[in-house]
Structure formats: C-alpha cells, structure tokens
Amino acid sequence: MSSYLREIKTARIDATRLTVELTDGSTFTVPLSFYPTLELATDDERSAMEVRPYSLHWESLDCDLGIEGLLQGAREHPKLAENARKRFQQSQRGARVDWQNVDAILARVPATEPTHEDQTCIVREEPPKA
C-alpha cells in the first residue's frame, strides 16, 4: 500500500518526540533529534502545529514534514538545521544559553547531503517520448 493513500489523523509533539496517528489506525513516534528545527523551538512554537492530511506544518518555523518522509525516517537536511541554530541564536540574544547542548543537538544531524531516498518529496519525471 502506498503511503500516499494514508492520511494523518492526529499528531502530538513534546520536547523530545513527535507521535503521529494515521487514519488507518497505525501510530508511530519519531525523536525530535531527527528535526533540530523542532528540537530547538520553544514549546509555543512546537505546539503551533497544523495537521494536514499528508503533512504537518509549523508556520512560524517555516517547517513542513510530509507523511512520506516521516514514514521513511527521513531526517532534517543539515542546512535547515543550521538555519534553526541561527534562528535560535537570534531568539536567545541576552539570555543565558547552554551552547554545548545546542551543539550536541546539531551534531546528531548527518553531515552529508541526503540521498534521493532521504528526500521527503520525490519528483517523478515523465519518460522521454519516442
């Protein structure tokens, strides 16, 4: 069964994990360490999640997680994780921050570019016409 036929029913998020329930009754949980943008976000930013049939969206974080990528265990792209760090730094100006913890969060993001299979959106090209 293609995961495109599966829709998101509900989703819950806390400081360490994201749990998604699909309309077919299956439930899965992923650690937020896969998504530094969400892990570095405030509780209010994380709770502003919009549940769509095929994705989860956080407007203020400019973050979208598609069902296909979630089911495949895709992680956040390292460049997006670095953007999360910059956003976090800007929000913490003047605040006392444990930068070792932030660095530890970002160190878990793979340093290599994601492979085709890691992409949450796969574009299929039409075969050339004869």
C-alpha atoms as a PDB file:
ATOM      1  CA  MET A   1       0.000   0.000   0.000  1.00  0.00           C
ATOM      2  CA  SER A   2       1.373   3.386  -0.941  1.00  0.00           C
ATOM      3  CA  SER A   3       1.806   5.761   1.973  1.00  0.00           C
ATOM      4  CA  TYR A   4       0.204   8.435  -0.203  1.00  0.00           C
ATOM      5  CA  LEU A   5      -3.099   6.699   0.485  1.00  0.00           C
ATOM      6  CA  ARG A   6      -2.509   7.016   4.220  1.00  0.00           C
ATOM      7  CA  GLU A   7      -3.588  10.222   5.892  1.00  0.00           C
ATOM      8  CA  ILE A   8      -2.662  11.827   9.194  1.00  0.00           C
ATOM      9  CA  LYS A   9      -5.473  11.741  11.739  1.00  0.00           C
ATOM     10  CA  THR A  10      -3.776  13.375  14.739  1.00  0.00           C
ATOM     11  CA  ALA A  11      -0.302  14.332  15.902  1.00  0.00           C
ATOM     12  CA  ARG A  12       1.241  15.178  19.280  1.00  0.00           C
ATOM     13  CA  ILE A  13       4.569  16.808  19.965  1.00  0.00           C
ATOM     14  CA  ASP A  14       6.600  17.426  23.110  1.00  0.00           C
ATOM     15  CA  ALA A  15      10.200  18.426  23.805  1.00  0.00           C
ATOM     16  CA  THR A  16      11.619  15.038  22.781  1.00  0.00           C
ATOM     17  CA  ARG A  17       9.297  13.280  20.311  1.00  0.00           C
ATOM     18  CA  LEU A  18       6.622  13.566  17.652  1.00  0.00           C
ATOM     19  CA  THR A  19       3.814  10.995  17.610  1.00  0.00           C
ATOM     20  CA  VAL A  20       1.576  10.635  14.567  1.00  0.00           C
ATOM     21  CA  GLU A  21      -1.624   8.624  14.271  1.00  0.00           C
ATOM     22  CA  LEU A  22      -2.815   7.743  10.775  1.00  0.00           C
ATOM     23  CA  THR A  23      -6.405   7.257   9.660  1.00  0.00           C
ATOM     24  CA  ASP A  24      -5.716   3.535   9.167  1.00  0.00           C
ATOM     25  CA  GLY A  25      -5.149   3.257  12.942  1.00  0.00           C
ATOM     26  CA  SER A  26      -1.366   2.906  12.890  1.00  0.00           C
ATOM     27  CA  THR A  27       0.730   5.133  15.132  1.00  0.00           C
ATOM     28  CA  PHE A  28       4.433   5.911  15.032  1.00  0.00           C
ATOM     29  CA  THR A  29       6.789   8.071  17.047  1.00  0.00           C
ATOM     30  CA  VAL A  30       9.982   9.791  15.909  1.00  0.00           C
ATOM     31  CA  PRO A  31      12.559  11.514  18.104  1.00  0.00           C
ATOM     32  CA  LEU A  32      12.847  15.273  17.696  1.00  0.00           C
ATOM     33  CA  SER A  33      16.590  14.738  17.333  1.00  0.00           C
ATOM     34  CA  PHE A  34      15.713  13.962  13.687  1.00  0.00           C
ATOM     35  CA  TYR A  35      14.443  17.553  13.339  1.00  0.00           C
ATOM     36  CA  PRO A  36      16.641  20.167  15.066  1.00  0.00           C
ATOM     37  CA  THR A  37      14.287  22.935  13.931  1.00  0.00           C
ATOM     38  CA  LEU A  38      11.621  21.413  16.164  1.00  0.00           C
ATOM     39  CA  GLU A  39      14.011  20.368  18.913  1.00  0.00           C
ATOM     40  CA  LEU A  40      15.398  23.912  19.244  1.00  0.00           C
ATOM     41  CA  ALA A  41      11.950  25.522  19.038  1.00  0.00           C
ATOM     42  CA  THR A  42      10.067  26.798  22.063  1.00  0.00           C
ATOM     43  CA  ASP A  43       7.099  24.865  23.431  1.00  0.00           C
ATOM     44  CA  ASP A  44       4.787  27.521  21.980  1.00  0.00           C
ATOM     45  CA  GLU A  45       6.397  27.242  18.534  1.00  0.00           C
ATOM     46  CA  ARG A  46       6.137  23.439  18.600  1.00  0.00           C
ATOM     47  CA  SER A  47       2.521  23.476  19.767  1.00  0.00           C
ATOM     48  CA  ALA A  48       1.524  25.725  16.830  1.00  0.00           C
ATOM     49  CA  MET A  49       1.456  22.613  14.646  1.00  0.00           C
ATOM     50  CA  GLU A  50      -1.053  22.440  11.818  1.00  0.00           C
ATOM     51  CA  VAL A  51      -2.154  18.893  10.999  1.00  0.00           C
ATOM     52  CA  ARG A  52      -2.874  18.420   7.295  1.00  0.00           C
ATOM     53  CA  PRO A  53      -3.905  15.152   5.627  1.00  0.00           C
ATOM     54  CA  TYR A  54      -0.425  14.492   4.196  1.00  0.00           C
ATOM     55  CA  SER A  55       1.867  16.715   6.254  1.00  0.00           C
ATOM     56  CA  LEU A  56       2.495  18.598   9.465  1.00  0.00           C
ATOM     57  CA  HIS A  57       3.209  22.314   9.252  1.00  0.00           C
ATOM     58  CA  TRP A  58       4.675  24.956  11.575  1.00  0.00           C
ATOM     59  CA  GLU A  59       4.164  28.397  10.014  1.00  0.00           C
ATOM     60  CA  SER A  60       6.422  30.373  12.371  1.00  0.00           C
ATOM     61  CA  LEU A  61       9.255  27.870  11.903  1.00  0.00           C
ATOM     62  CA  ASP A  62       8.793  27.522   8.131  1.00  0.00           C
ATOM     63  CA  CYS A  63       8.803  23.770   8.717  1.00  0.00           C
ATOM     64  CA  ASP A  64       6.866  21.049   6.897  1.00  0.00           C
ATOM     65  CA  LEU A  65       7.103  17.320   7.474  1.00  0.00           C
ATOM     66  CA  GLY A  66       5.474  15.171   4.802  1.00  0.00           C
ATOM     67  CA  ILE A  67       3.972  11.793   5.594  1.00  0.00           C
ATOM     68  CA  GLU A  68       6.230  10.057   3.048  1.00  0.00           C
ATOM     69  CA  GLY A  69       9.410  11.344   4.702  1.00  0.00           C
ATOM     70  CA  LEU A  70       8.105  10.646   8.202  1.00  0.00           C
ATOM     71  CA  LEU A  71       7.302   7.037   7.298  1.00  0.00           C
ATOM     72  CA  GLN A  72      10.737   6.581   5.705  1.00  0.00           C
ATOM     73  CA  GLY A  73      12.531   8.017   8.743  1.00  0.00           C
ATOM     74  CA  ALA A  74      13.982  10.957   6.778  1.00  0.00           C
ATOM     75  CA  ARG A  75      15.972  13.452   8.849  1.00  0.00           C
ATOM     76  CA  GLU A  76      16.207  17.204   8.535  1.00  0.00           C
ATOM     77  CA  HIS A  77      18.693  18.468   5.965  1.00  0.00           C
ATOM     78  CA  PRO A  78      21.889  19.830   7.629  1.00  0.00           C
ATOM     79  CA  LYS A  79      21.444  23.263   6.017  1.00  0.00           C
ATOM     80  CA  LEU A  80      17.974  23.580   7.521  1.00  0.00           C
ATOM     81  CA  ALA A  81      19.349  22.506  10.890  1.00  0.00           C
ATOM     82  CA  GLU A  82      21.948  25.285  10.673  1.00  0.00           C
ATOM     83  CA  ASN A  83      19.160  27.757   9.916  1.00  0.00           C
ATOM     84  CA  ALA A  84      17.438  26.528  13.088  1.00  0.00           C
ATOM     85  CA  ARG A  85      20.587  27.237  15.075  1.00  0.00           C
ATOM     86  CA  LYS A  86      20.783  30.784  13.682  1.00  0.00           C
ATOM     87  CA  ARG A  87      17.100  31.386  14.470  1.00  0.00           C
ATOM     88  CA  PHE A  88      17.665  30.016  17.969  1.00  0.00           C
ATOM     89  CA  GLN A  89      20.717  32.258  18.482  1.00  0.00           C
ATOM     90  CA  GLN A  90      18.742  35.332  17.445  1.00  0.00           C
ATOM     91  CA  SER A  91      15.894  34.461  19.803  1.00  0.00           C
ATOM     92  CA  GLN A  92      18.305  33.958  22.715  1.00  0.00           C
ATOM     93  CA  ARG A  93      20.198  37.258  22.495  1.00  0.00           C
ATOM     94  CA  GLY A  94      20.917  38.368  26.034  1.00  0.00           C
ATOM     95  CA  ALA A  95      19.698  35.080  27.509  1.00  0.00           C
ATOM     96  CA  ARG A  96      21.880  32.507  29.193  1.00  0.00           C
ATOM     97  CA  VAL A  97      22.183  29.555  26.821  1.00  0.00           C
ATOM     98  CA  ASP A  98      23.849  26.164  27.196  1.00  0.00           C
ATOM     99  CA  TRP A  99      25.600  26.211  23.795  1.00  0.00           C
ATOM    100  CA  GLN A 100      27.134  22.779  24.391  1.00  0.00           C
ATOM    101  CA  ASN A 101      23.612  21.367  24.448  1.00  0.00           C
ATOM    102  CA  VAL A 102      22.688  23.215  21.227  1.00  0.00           C
ATOM    103  CA  ASP A 103      25.882  21.963  19.581  1.00  0.00           C
ATOM    104  CA  ALA A 104      25.066  18.423  20.746  1.00  0.00           C
ATOM    105  CA  ILE A 105      21.621  18.657  19.143  1.00  0.00           C
ATOM    106  CA  LEU A 106      23.081  19.801  15.839  1.00  0.00           C
ATOM    107  CA  ALA A 107      25.898  17.232  15.954  1.00  0.00           C
ATOM    108  CA  ARG A 108      23.276  14.475  15.583  1.00  0.00           C
ATOM    109  CA  VAL A 109      22.317  15.762  12.130  1.00  0.00           C
ATOM    110  CA  PRO A 110      24.129  13.815   9.399  1.00  0.00           C
ATOM    111  CA  ALA A 111      26.885  15.939   7.886  1.00  0.00           C
ATOM    112  CA  THR A 112      26.410  14.522   4.413  1.00  0.00           C
ATOM    113  CA  GLU A 113      23.877  15.636   1.855  1.00  0.00           C
ATOM    114  CA  PRO A 114      20.740  13.478   1.943  1.00  0.00           C
ATOM    115  CA  THR A 115      20.388  10.796  -0.691  1.00  0.00           C
ATOM    116  CA  HIS A 116      17.460  10.651  -3.085  1.00  0.00           C
ATOM    117  CA  GLU A 117      15.723   8.226  -0.733  1.00  0.00           C
ATOM    118  CA  ASP A 118      16.059  10.695   2.168  1.00  0.00           C
ATOM    119  CA  GLN A 119      14.016  13.367   0.427  1.00  0.00           C
ATOM    120  CA  THR A 120      10.512  13.887   1.767  1.00  0.00           C
ATOM    121  CA  CYS A 121       9.257  14.813  -1.709  1.00  0.00           C
ATOM    122  CA  ILE A 122      10.204  12.706  -4.675  1.00  0.00           C
ATOM    123  CA  VAL A 123       9.609  14.110  -8.137  1.00  0.00           C
ATOM    124  CA  ARG A 124       8.941  11.543 -10.813  1.00  0.00           C
ATOM    125  CA  GLU A 125       9.776  12.614 -14.330  1.00  0.00           C
ATOM    126  CA  GLU A 126       7.842  11.534 -17.358  1.00  0.00           C
ATOM    127  CA  PRO A 127       9.775   9.137 -19.608  1.00  0.00           C
ATOM    128  CA  PRO A 128      11.022  10.741 -22.825  1.00  0.00           C
ATOM    129  CA  LYS A 129       8.597  10.461 -25.710  1.00  0.00           C
ATOM    130  CA  ALA A 130       9.767   8.409 -28.657  1.00  0.00           C
END
